[in-house]
Amino acid sequence: MDLGAMYGVKMDWFVSFAAVARYGGFSAAAKAVYRGQSRISEHVAELERALDVQLFDRTAHPPRLTPEGRALLLQAEEILRRVQNLSAGGAVRFGAYPSAAAWLFPQVVRRLPDTIRLLLIEGPSVDLEAALVRGDIDLAIRPVHPLVADESLTHEILWREPLTAVFPENHPLATGQSVTLHQLAELPLISIGESDGPRQFESHLAFASKGLNPESAFRTNQPQTLLSLVRHGLGVGVTNELAVTTANLDGVRLVPIDDAGVERQVALFTRRDHPPSPALLQVIEVLQRMNWST
């Protein structure tokens, strides 16, 4: 191994090499560090050419480190640790819709080192896609539905939650164990979404799956507004569970929908065409390690 050639080595090559070794393959490494598999392969090949050694036995499945690869891995990981310690600080712009922000953001802040400053940027789910594409935020926590249109975005699901009906506390159905979509379709509904926005939200998909197309008396993106409308007797709410359990429930009752057949899937969205900073990687790691079953 020609150590003199190390002066021409790029840090990205070390990142890709260490990721292949750590995650057991080129495809797994690409997903872990948000790069294309071809880019990972190119980085490892360039590193091998620069050092004039073979780092992986590619005939093995998964590829195995050669003796030279094992020797370099120790040094590469130490270099990456030192660089990360120097650059781990910084700000990460954390985009989220309001109920997710209320529940999730404080938990993430408490799990991060003091060197990382998390900036909260709240907005409707449909606006977070555009903000992420423009580069106004570094990540977005938003439901999978409505589906994003921009192919530069990638996502991984963090948690799932059921739909729930929200009744005024004096409504005849408020004391029931559950309610059906057919029962709800007969009532004035207050649903999530903007009056002229897309009808791809989970509540609309649930009704459509039963061949129902009820008109919404009101639509809103704000959980507190939905609850206030229900509290004042203007309709029955249909929304995701988290949105209302993080809000003031005085005067209303939550009732499970026993045949909804649709769950809200909430995901972490990032840009596949922008390699994440060390600080963003730490935020992503915190999100991935959280217990989403509770």
C-alpha atoms as a PDB file:
ATOM      1  CA  MET A   1       0.000   0.000   0.000  1.00  0.00           C
ATOM      2  CA  ASP A   2       1.531   3.291  -1.142  1.00  0.00           C
ATOM      3  CA  LEU A   3       0.867   5.659   1.770  1.00  0.00           C
ATOM      4  CA  GLY A   4       2.203   8.546  -0.281  1.00  0.00           C
ATOM      5  CA  ALA A   5      -0.861   8.195  -2.476  1.00  0.00           C
ATOM      6  CA  MET A   6      -3.055   8.993   0.520  1.00  0.00           C
ATOM      7  CA  TYR A   7      -2.571  12.693  -0.172  1.00  0.00           C
ATOM      8  CA  GLY A   8      -4.782  12.350  -3.232  1.00  0.00           C
ATOM      9  CA  VAL A   9      -7.550  10.469  -1.455  1.00  0.00           C
ATOM     10  CA  LYS A  10     -10.937  12.166  -1.081  1.00  0.00           C
ATOM     11  CA  MET A  11     -12.974  11.973   2.111  1.00  0.00           C
ATOM     12  CA  ASP A  12     -16.020  10.710   0.174  1.00  0.00           C
ATOM     13  CA  TRP A  13     -14.001   7.635  -0.809  1.00  0.00           C
ATOM     14  CA  PHE A  14     -13.416   6.801   2.850  1.00  0.00           C
ATOM     15  CA  VAL A  15     -17.112   7.300   3.632  1.00  0.00           C
ATOM     16  CA  SER A  16     -18.189   4.905   0.887  1.00  0.00           C
ATOM     17  CA  PHE A  17     -15.482   2.344   1.689  1.00  0.00           C
ATOM     18  CA  ALA A  18     -16.332   2.297   5.394  1.00  0.00           C
ATOM     19  CA  ALA A  19     -20.064   2.076   4.640  1.00  0.00           C
ATOM     20  CA  VAL A  20     -19.618  -1.005   2.427  1.00  0.00           C
ATOM     21  CA  ALA A  21     -17.558  -2.671   5.164  1.00  0.00           C
ATOM     22  CA  ARG A  22     -19.980  -1.658   7.931  1.00  0.00           C
ATOM     23  CA  TYR A  23     -23.260  -2.520   6.200  1.00  0.00           C
ATOM     24  CA  GLY A  24     -22.102  -5.627   4.345  1.00  0.00           C
ATOM     25  CA  GLY A  25     -22.498  -4.666   0.714  1.00  0.00           C
ATOM     26  CA  PHE A  26     -22.643  -1.920  -1.899  1.00  0.00           C
ATOM     27  CA  SER A  27     -26.443  -1.728  -2.052  1.00  0.00           C
ATOM     28  CA  ALA A  28     -26.847  -1.559   1.729  1.00  0.00           C
ATOM     29  CA  ALA A  29     -24.106   1.077   1.937  1.00  0.00           C
ATOM     30  CA  ALA A  30     -25.841   3.210  -0.694  1.00  0.00           C
ATOM     31  CA  LYS A  31     -29.083   3.236   1.301  1.00  0.00           C
ATOM     32  CA  ALA A  32     -27.294   3.964   4.577  1.00  0.00           C
ATOM     33  CA  VAL A  33     -25.425   7.039   3.326  1.00  0.00           C
ATOM     34  CA  TYR A  34     -28.053   8.236   0.824  1.00  0.00           C
ATOM     35  CA  ARG A  35     -25.944   7.806  -2.282  1.00  0.00           C
ATOM     36  CA  GLY A  36     -26.465   5.851  -5.476  1.00  0.00           C
ATOM     37  CA  GLN A  37     -24.997   2.360  -5.601  1.00  0.00           C
ATOM     38  CA  SER A  38     -22.981   3.259  -8.704  1.00  0.00           C
ATOM     39  CA  ARG A  39     -21.445   6.208  -6.831  1.00  0.00           C
ATOM     40  CA  ILE A  40     -20.451   3.931  -3.929  1.00  0.00           C
ATOM     41  CA  SER A  41     -18.819   1.463  -6.319  1.00  0.00           C
ATOM     42  CA  GLU A  42     -17.016   4.285  -8.105  1.00  0.00           C
ATOM     43  CA  HIS A  43     -15.638   5.685  -4.833  1.00  0.00           C
ATOM     44  CA  VAL A  44     -14.308   2.302  -3.697  1.00  0.00           C
ATOM     45  CA  ALA A  45     -12.738   1.649  -7.100  1.00  0.00           C
ATOM     46  CA  GLU A  46     -11.047   5.076  -7.074  1.00  0.00           C
ATOM     47  CA  LEU A  47      -9.701   4.426  -3.583  1.00  0.00           C
ATOM     48  CA  GLU A  48      -8.310   1.070  -4.700  1.00  0.00           C
ATOM     49  CA  ARG A  49      -6.634   2.660  -7.713  1.00  0.00           C
ATOM     50  CA  ALA A  50      -5.148   5.468  -5.634  1.00  0.00           C
ATOM     51  CA  LEU A  51      -3.652   3.017  -3.127  1.00  0.00           C
ATOM     52  CA  ASP A  52      -2.909   0.275  -5.677  1.00  0.00           C
ATOM     53  CA  VAL A  53      -4.583  -2.410  -3.527  1.00  0.00           C
ATOM     54  CA  GLN A  54      -7.726  -4.510  -3.625  1.00  0.00           C
ATOM     55  CA  LEU A  55      -9.904  -3.682  -0.635  1.00  0.00           C
ATOM     56  CA  PHE A  56     -12.773  -6.154  -1.157  1.00  0.00           C
ATOM     57  CA  ASP A  57     -13.041  -9.684  -2.444  1.00  0.00           C
ATOM     58  CA  ARG A  58     -15.970  -9.140  -4.820  1.00  0.00           C
ATOM     59  CA  THR A  59     -16.317 -12.847  -5.633  1.00  0.00           C
ATOM     60  CA  ALA A  60     -17.754 -13.371  -2.143  1.00  0.00           C
ATOM     61  CA  HIS A  61     -21.396 -12.600  -1.336  1.00  0.00           C
ATOM     62  CA  PRO A  62     -21.520 -10.307   0.505  1.00  0.00           C
ATOM     63  CA  PRO A  63     -18.120  -8.877  -0.490  1.00  0.00           C
ATOM     64  CA  ARG A  64     -15.395  -9.504   2.095  1.00  0.00           C
ATOM     65  CA  LEU A  65     -12.578  -7.224   3.145  1.00  0.00           C
ATOM     66  CA  THR A  66      -9.129  -8.304   1.992  1.00  0.00           C
ATOM     67  CA  PRO A  67      -6.250  -8.152   4.525  1.00  0.00           C
ATOM     68  CA  GLU A  68      -5.345  -4.751   3.066  1.00  0.00           C
ATOM     69  CA  GLY A  69      -8.976  -3.669   3.392  1.00  0.00           C
ATOM     70  CA  ARG A  70      -9.101  -4.676   7.054  1.00  0.00           C
ATOM     71  CA  ALA A  71      -5.926  -2.739   7.763  1.00  0.00           C
ATOM     72  CA  LEU A  72      -7.249   0.371   6.006  1.00  0.00           C
ATOM     73  CA  LEU A  73     -10.684   0.159   7.641  1.00  0.00           C
ATOM     74  CA  LEU A  74      -9.232   0.819  11.098  1.00  0.00           C
ATOM     75  CA  GLN A  75      -7.474   3.925   9.841  1.00  0.00           C
ATOM     76  CA  ALA A  76     -10.415   5.111   7.741  1.00  0.00           C
ATOM     77  CA  GLU A  77     -12.876   4.850  10.624  1.00  0.00           C
ATOM     78  CA  GLU A  78     -10.519   6.755  12.911  1.00  0.00           C
ATOM     79  CA  ILE A  79     -10.156   9.513  10.301  1.00  0.00           C
ATOM     80  CA  LEU A  80     -13.932   9.712   9.863  1.00  0.00           C
ATOM     81  CA  ARG A  81     -14.476   9.852  13.613  1.00  0.00           C
ATOM     82  CA  ARG A  82     -12.046  12.738  13.947  1.00  0.00           C
ATOM     83  CA  VAL A  83     -13.600  14.632  11.046  1.00  0.00           C
ATOM     84  CA  GLN A  84     -17.099  14.058  12.417  1.00  0.00           C
ATOM     85  CA  ASN A  85     -16.072  15.368  15.823  1.00  0.00           C
ATOM     86  CA  LEU A  86     -14.817  18.532  14.161  1.00  0.00           C
ATOM     87  CA  SER A  87     -17.847  19.020  11.926  1.00  0.00           C
ATOM     88  CA  ALA A  88     -20.680  17.380  13.864  1.00  0.00           C
ATOM     89  CA  GLY A  89     -22.002  20.712  15.036  1.00  0.00           C
ATOM     90  CA  GLY A  90     -24.281  22.903  13.016  1.00  0.00           C
ATOM     91  CA  ALA A  91     -27.946  23.587  12.379  1.00  0.00           C
ATOM     92  CA  VAL A  92     -30.468  21.175  10.909  1.00  0.00           C
ATOM     93  CA  ARG A  93     -33.757  22.573   9.598  1.00  0.00           C
ATOM     94  CA  PHE A  94     -36.422  20.146  10.810  1.00  0.00           C
ATOM     95  CA  GLY A  95     -39.647  20.351   8.806  1.00  0.00           C
ATOM     96  CA  ALA A  96     -42.799  18.797  10.255  1.00  0.00           C
ATOM     97  CA  TYR A  97     -46.563  19.152  10.207  1.00  0.00           C
ATOM     98  CA  PRO A  98     -47.960  20.608  13.463  1.00  0.00           C
ATOM     99  CA  SER A  99     -49.115  17.522  15.399  1.00  0.00           C
ATOM    100  CA  ALA A 100     -45.932  15.615  14.585  1.00  0.00           C
ATOM    101  CA  ALA A 101     -43.881  18.635  15.609  1.00  0.00           C
ATOM    102  CA  ALA A 102     -45.694  18.896  18.946  1.00  0.00           C
ATOM    103  CA  TRP A 103     -45.163  15.237  19.774  1.00  0.00           C
ATOM    104  CA  LEU A 104     -41.839  14.414  18.107  1.00  0.00           C
ATOM    105  CA  PHE A 105     -39.652  17.512  18.022  1.00  0.00           C
ATOM    106  CA  PRO A 106     -38.970  17.768  21.790  1.00  0.00           C
ATOM    107  CA  GLN A 107     -38.002  14.090  21.914  1.00  0.00           C
ATOM    108  CA  VAL A 108     -35.465  14.510  19.105  1.00  0.00           C
ATOM    109  CA  VAL A 109     -33.943  17.645  20.653  1.00  0.00           C
ATOM    110  CA  ARG A 110     -33.375  15.843  23.955  1.00  0.00           C
ATOM    111  CA  ARG A 111     -31.520  13.012  22.217  1.00  0.00           C
ATOM    112  CA  LEU A 112     -29.078  15.218  20.300  1.00  0.00           C
ATOM    113  CA  PRO A 113     -25.703  16.578  21.491  1.00  0.00           C
ATOM    114  CA  ASP A 114     -25.469  20.270  22.327  1.00  0.00           C
ATOM    115  CA  THR A 115     -23.320  20.847  19.237  1.00  0.00           C
ATOM    116  CA  ILE A 116     -26.342  20.327  16.959  1.00  0.00           C
ATOM    117  CA  ARG A 117     -28.976  23.062  16.779  1.00  0.00           C
ATOM    118  CA  LEU A 118     -32.342  21.857  15.537  1.00  0.00           C
ATOM    119  CA  LEU A 119     -34.483  24.526  13.854  1.00  0.00           C
ATOM    120  CA  LEU A 120     -38.206  23.729  13.768  1.00  0.00           C
ATOM    121  CA  ILE A 121     -40.107  24.712  10.621  1.00  0.00           C
ATOM    122  CA  GLU A 122     -43.786  23.782  10.769  1.00  0.00           C
ATOM    123  CA  GLY A 123     -46.176  23.655   7.857  1.00  0.00           C
ATOM    124  CA  PRO A 124     -48.993  21.712   6.204  1.00  0.00           C
ATOM    125  CA  SER A 125     -47.970  18.319   4.855  1.00  0.00           C
ATOM    126  CA  VAL A 126     -48.540  19.398   1.255  1.00  0.00           C
ATOM    127  CA  ASP A 127     -46.145  22.360   1.667  1.00  0.00           C
ATOM    128  CA  LEU A 128     -43.266  20.378   3.170  1.00  0.00           C
ATOM    129  CA  GLU A 129     -42.505  18.652  -0.145  1.00  0.00           C
ATOM    130  CA  ALA A 130     -41.872  21.953  -1.934  1.00  0.00           C
ATOM    131  CA  ALA A 131     -39.832  23.278   0.989  1.00  0.00           C
ATOM    132  CA  LEU A 132     -37.579  20.208   0.915  1.00  0.00           C
ATOM    133  CA  VAL A 133     -37.113  20.382  -2.862  1.00  0.00           C
ATOM    134  CA  ARG A 134     -36.234  24.101  -2.653  1.00  0.00           C
ATOM    135  CA  GLY A 135     -33.698  23.419   0.083  1.00  0.00           C
ATOM    136  CA  ASP A 136     -35.594  25.446   2.692  1.00  0.00           C
ATOM    137  CA  ILE A 137     -35.524  22.458   5.069  1.00  0.00           C
ATOM    138  CA  ASP A 138     -33.099  19.556   5.473  1.00  0.00           C
ATOM    139  CA  LEU A 139     -35.676  16.873   6.265  1.00  0.00           C
ATOM    140  CA  ALA A 140     -39.432  16.572   6.419  1.00  0.00           C
ATOM    141  CA  ILE A 141     -41.618  14.552   8.755  1.00  0.00           C
ATOM    142  CA  ARG A 142     -44.921  14.156   6.949  1.00  0.00           C
ATOM    143  CA  PRO A 143     -47.485  11.521   6.004  1.00  0.00           C
ATOM    144  CA  VAL A 144     -46.913   9.400   2.915  1.00  0.00           C
ATOM    145  CA  HIS A 145     -50.317  10.633   1.655  1.00  0.00           C
ATOM    146  CA  PRO A 146     -50.799  12.862  -0.239  1.00  0.00           C
ATOM    147  CA  LEU A 147     -48.044  11.264  -2.325  1.00  0.00           C
ATOM    148  CA  VAL A 148     -45.050  13.400  -3.237  1.00  0.00           C
ATOM    149  CA  ALA A 149     -44.450  14.048  -6.925  1.00  0.00           C
ATOM    150  CA  ASP A 150     -40.760  15.003  -6.954  1.00  0.00           C
ATOM    151  CA  GLU A 151     -38.506  12.036  -7.732  1.00  0.00           C
ATOM    152  CA  SER A 152     -35.530  13.610  -5.970  1.00  0.00           C
ATOM    153  CA  LEU A 153     -37.139  12.785  -2.618  1.00  0.00           C
ATOM    154  CA  THR A 154     -36.758   9.503  -0.777  1.00  0.00           C
ATOM    155  CA  HIS A 155     -38.474   8.346   2.390  1.00  0.00           C
ATOM    156  CA  GLU A 156     -38.598   5.704   5.081  1.00  0.00           C
ATOM    157  CA  ILE A 157     -41.672   5.048   7.206  1.00  0.00           C
ATOM    158  CA  LEU A 158     -41.271   5.886  10.894  1.00  0.00           C
ATOM    159  CA  TRP A 159     -44.671   4.998  12.354  1.00  0.00           C
ATOM    160  CA  ARG A 160     -48.277   4.098  11.576  1.00  0.00           C
ATOM    161  CA  GLU A 161     -51.362   5.337  13.373  1.00  0.00           C
ATOM    162  CA  PRO A 162     -55.104   4.660  13.052  1.00  0.00           C
ATOM    163  CA  LEU A 163     -57.856   7.011  12.024  1.00  0.00           C
ATOM    164  CA  THR A 164     -60.300   8.119  14.706  1.00  0.00           C
ATOM    165  CA  ALA A 165     -63.673   9.809  14.820  1.00  0.00           C
ATOM    166  CA  VAL A 166     -64.119  12.910  17.005  1.00  0.00           C
ATOM    167  CA  PHE A 167     -67.594  13.540  18.442  1.00  0.00           C
ATOM    168  CA  PRO A 168     -69.019  16.287  20.642  1.00  0.00           C
ATOM    169  CA  GLU A 169     -69.252  14.749  24.110  1.00  0.00           C
ATOM    170  CA  ASN A 170     -73.085  14.909  24.051  1.00  0.00           C
ATOM    171  CA  HIS A 171     -73.447  13.160  20.666  1.00  0.00           C
ATOM    172  CA  PRO A 172     -75.389   9.833  20.745  1.00  0.00           C
ATOM    173  CA  LEU A 173     -72.422   7.958  19.201  1.00  0.00           C
ATOM    174  CA  ALA A 174     -69.819   9.496  21.519  1.00  0.00           C
ATOM    175  CA  THR A 175     -70.168   6.738  24.128  1.00  0.00           C
ATOM    176  CA  GLY A 176     -69.904   3.819  21.700  1.00  0.00           C
ATOM    177  CA  GLN A 177     -67.028   1.356  21.573  1.00  0.00           C
ATOM    178  CA  SER A 178     -66.523   2.075  17.878  1.00  0.00           C
ATOM    179  CA  VAL A 179     -68.171   3.565  14.818  1.00  0.00           C
ATOM    180  CA  THR A 180     -68.287   2.556  11.142  1.00  0.00           C
ATOM    181  CA  LEU A 181     -67.530   4.553   8.032  1.00  0.00           C
ATOM    182  CA  HIS A 182     -71.127   4.115   6.856  1.00  0.00           C
ATOM    183  CA  GLN A 183     -72.376   5.695  10.087  1.00  0.00           C
ATOM    184  CA  LEU A 184     -69.946   8.593   9.696  1.00  0.00           C
ATOM    185  CA  ALA A 185     -70.862   9.124   6.042  1.00  0.00           C
ATOM    186  CA  GLU A 186     -74.400  10.044   7.155  1.00  0.00           C
ATOM    187  CA  LEU A 187     -73.133  12.876   9.363  1.00  0.00           C
ATOM    188  CA  PRO A 188     -71.714  16.352   8.613  1.00  0.00           C
ATOM    189  CA  LEU A 189     -67.980  15.711   8.534  1.00  0.00           C
ATOM    190  CA  ILE A 190     -64.959  17.802   9.411  1.00  0.00           C
ATOM    191  CA  SER A 191     -61.885  16.358   7.746  1.00  0.00           C
ATOM    192  CA  ILE A 192     -58.182  17.070   7.297  1.00  0.00           C
ATOM    193  CA  GLY A 193     -57.122  19.020   4.216  1.00  0.00           C
ATOM    194  CA  GLU A 194     -57.600  22.364   2.530  1.00  0.00           C
ATOM    195  CA  SER A 195     -60.909  23.242   0.867  1.00  0.00           C
ATOM    196  CA  ASP A 196     -59.330  23.308  -2.585  1.00  0.00           C
ATOM    197  CA  GLY A 197     -56.466  20.892  -1.907  1.00  0.00           C
ATOM    198  CA  PRO A 198     -55.884  17.255  -2.900  1.00  0.00           C
ATOM    199  CA  ARG A 199     -58.262  14.566  -1.623  1.00  0.00           C
ATOM    200  CA  GLN A 200     -55.562  11.985  -1.037  1.00  0.00           C
ATOM    201  CA  PHE A 201     -55.596  12.165   2.747  1.00  0.00           C
ATOM    202  CA  GLU A 202     -56.177   8.932   4.622  1.00  0.00           C
ATOM    203  CA  SER A 203     -59.725   9.812   5.672  1.00  0.00           C
ATOM    204  CA  HIS A 204     -60.783  10.323   2.041  1.00  0.00           C
ATOM    205  CA  LEU A 205     -59.045   7.094   1.002  1.00  0.00           C
ATOM    206  CA  ALA A 206     -60.823   5.179   3.773  1.00  0.00           C
ATOM    207  CA  PHE A 207     -64.284   6.318   2.637  1.00  0.00           C
ATOM    208  CA  ALA A 208     -63.420   5.702  -1.028  1.00  0.00           C
ATOM    209  CA  SER A 209     -62.368   2.114  -0.218  1.00  0.00           C
ATOM    210  CA  LYS A 210     -65.974   1.482   0.918  1.00  0.00           C
ATOM    211  CA  GLY A 211     -67.489   3.159  -2.116  1.00  0.00           C
ATOM    212  CA  LEU A 212     -68.456   6.201  -0.056  1.00  0.00           C
ATOM    213  CA  ASN A 213     -67.938   9.815  -1.066  1.00  0.00           C
ATOM    214  CA  PRO A 214     -69.330  12.009   1.728  1.00  0.00           C
ATOM    215  CA  GLU A 215     -69.028  15.761   1.461  1.00  0.00           C
ATOM    216  CA  SER A 216     -67.008  17.502   4.133  1.00  0.00           C
ATOM    217  CA  ALA A 217     -68.843  20.303   5.885  1.00  0.00           C
ATOM    218  CA  PHE A 218     -65.424  21.768   6.721  1.00  0.00           C
ATOM    219  CA  ARG A 219     -61.806  20.898   5.991  1.00  0.00           C
ATOM    220  CA  THR A 220     -58.819  22.106   8.009  1.00  0.00           C
ATOM    221  CA  ASN A 221     -55.129  21.319   8.445  1.00  0.00           C
ATOM    222  CA  GLN A 222     -55.097  22.405  12.089  1.00  0.00           C
ATOM    223  CA  PRO A 223     -56.046  19.832  14.757  1.00  0.00           C
ATOM    224  CA  GLN A 224     -57.131  22.517  17.235  1.00  0.00           C
ATOM    225  CA  THR A 225     -59.437  24.025  14.619  1.00  0.00           C
ATOM    226  CA  LEU A 226     -60.973  20.626  13.882  1.00  0.00           C
ATOM    227  CA  LEU A 227     -61.560  20.027  17.600  1.00  0.00           C
ATOM    228  CA  SER A 228     -63.071  23.484  18.074  1.00  0.00           C
ATOM    229  CA  LEU A 229     -65.500  22.953  15.202  1.00  0.00           C
ATOM    230  CA  VAL A 230     -66.539  19.591  16.689  1.00  0.00           C
ATOM    231  CA  ARG A 231     -66.780  21.075  20.190  1.00  0.00           C
ATOM    232  CA  HIS A 232     -69.201  23.722  18.901  1.00  0.00           C
ATOM    233  CA  GLY A 233     -71.431  21.128  17.259  1.00  0.00           C
ATOM    234  CA  LEU A 234     -70.599  21.944  13.642  1.00  0.00           C
ATOM    235  CA  GLY A 235     -69.840  18.359  12.649  1.00  0.00           C
ATOM    236  CA  VAL A 236     -67.982  15.143  13.440  1.00  0.00           C
ATOM    237  CA  GLY A 237     -64.233  14.994  12.885  1.00  0.00           C
ATOM    238  CA  VAL A 238     -62.342  12.253  11.066  1.00  0.00           C
ATOM    239  CA  THR A 239     -58.588  12.475  11.391  1.00  0.00           C
ATOM    240  CA  ASN A 240     -55.467  10.593  12.447  1.00  0.00           C
ATOM    241  CA  GLU A 241     -55.066   9.700  16.099  1.00  0.00           C
ATOM    242  CA  LEU A 242     -51.867  11.642  16.824  1.00  0.00           C
ATOM    243  CA  ALA A 243     -53.311  14.922  15.553  1.00  0.00           C
ATOM    244  CA  VAL A 244     -55.975  15.008  18.253  1.00  0.00           C
ATOM    245  CA  THR A 245     -54.290  13.195  21.129  1.00  0.00           C
ATOM    246  CA  THR A 246     -51.662  15.955  21.288  1.00  0.00           C
ATOM    247  CA  ALA A 247     -54.358  18.650  21.475  1.00  0.00           C
ATOM    248  CA  ASN A 248     -56.976  19.863  23.979  1.00  0.00           C
ATOM    249  CA  LEU A 249     -59.768  17.256  24.157  1.00  0.00           C
ATOM    250  CA  ASP A 250     -62.139  19.170  26.430  1.00  0.00           C
ATOM    251  CA  GLY A 251     -65.728  18.736  25.252  1.00  0.00           C
ATOM    252  CA  VAL A 252     -65.043  16.001  22.700  1.00  0.00           C
ATOM    253  CA  ARG A 253     -64.749  12.215  22.646  1.00  0.00           C
ATOM    254  CA  LEU A 254     -62.519  10.035  20.458  1.00  0.00           C
ATOM    255  CA  VAL A 255     -64.156   6.895  19.051  1.00  0.00           C
ATOM    256  CA  PRO A 256     -62.244   4.229  17.066  1.00  0.00           C
ATOM    257  CA  ILE A 257     -63.317   3.549  13.485  1.00  0.00           C
ATOM    258  CA  ASP A 258     -63.556  -0.231  13.313  1.00  0.00           C
ATOM    259  CA  ASP A 259     -63.591  -0.632   9.519  1.00  0.00           C
ATOM    260  CA  ALA A 260     -61.321   2.200   8.375  1.00  0.00           C
ATOM    261  CA  GLY A 261     -58.924  -0.205   6.634  1.00  0.00           C
ATOM    262  CA  VAL A 262     -56.446   2.664   6.216  1.00  0.00           C
ATOM    263  CA  GLU A 263     -53.691   3.821   8.543  1.00  0.00           C
ATOM    264  CA  ARG A 264     -51.712   7.021   8.406  1.00  0.00           C
ATOM    265  CA  GLN A 265     -48.096   6.240   7.531  1.00  0.00           C
ATOM    266  CA  VAL A 266     -45.702   8.957   8.637  1.00  0.00           C
ATOM    267  CA  ALA A 267     -42.257   9.024   7.070  1.00  0.00           C
ATOM    268  CA  LEU A 268     -38.906  10.766   7.150  1.00  0.00           C
ATOM    269  CA  PHE A 269     -38.323  12.468   3.787  1.00  0.00           C
ATOM    270  CA  THR A 270     -34.896  13.607   2.559  1.00  0.00           C
ATOM    271  CA  ARG A 271     -33.325  14.499  -0.791  1.00  0.00           C
ATOM    272  CA  ARG A 272     -31.571  11.635  -2.510  1.00  0.00           C
ATOM    273  CA  ASP A 273     -29.502  14.037  -4.627  1.00  0.00           C
ATOM    274  CA  HIS A 274     -27.964  15.875  -1.633  1.00  0.00           C
ATOM    275  CA  PRO A 275     -25.488  13.954   0.559  1.00  0.00           C
ATOM    276  CA  PRO A 276     -26.447  14.611   4.204  1.00  0.00           C
ATOM    277  CA  SER A 277     -24.171  16.614   6.485  1.00  0.00           C
ATOM    278  CA  PRO A 278     -22.747  14.909   9.582  1.00  0.00           C
ATOM    279  CA  ALA A 279     -25.260  16.823  11.714  1.00  0.00           C
ATOM    280  CA  LEU A 280     -28.188  15.700   9.547  1.00  0.00           C
ATOM    281  CA  LEU A 281     -26.945  12.107   9.694  1.00  0.00           C
ATOM    282  CA  GLN A 282     -27.035  12.280  13.488  1.00  0.00           C
ATOM    283  CA  VAL A 283     -30.618  13.559  13.433  1.00  0.00           C
ATOM    284  CA  ILE A 284     -31.613  10.775  11.030  1.00  0.00           C
ATOM    285  CA  GLU A 285     -29.938   8.206  13.277  1.00  0.00           C
ATOM    286  CA  VAL A 286     -31.866   9.495  16.305  1.00  0.00           C
ATOM    287  CA  LEU A 287     -35.143   9.155  14.389  1.00  0.00           C
ATOM    288  CA  GLN A 288     -34.289   5.652  13.229  1.00  0.00           C
ATOM    289  CA  ARG A 289     -33.478   4.493  16.753  1.00  0.00           C
ATOM    290  CA  MET A 290     -36.658   5.770  18.402  1.00  0.00           C
ATOM    291  CA  ASN A 291     -39.262   3.270  19.589  1.00  0.00           C
ATOM    292  CA  TRP A 292     -42.191   3.835  17.258  1.00  0.00           C
ATOM    293  CA  SER A 293     -44.355   1.119  18.813  1.00  0.00           C
ATOM    294  CA  THR A 294     -45.369   3.391  21.683  1.00  0.00           C
END
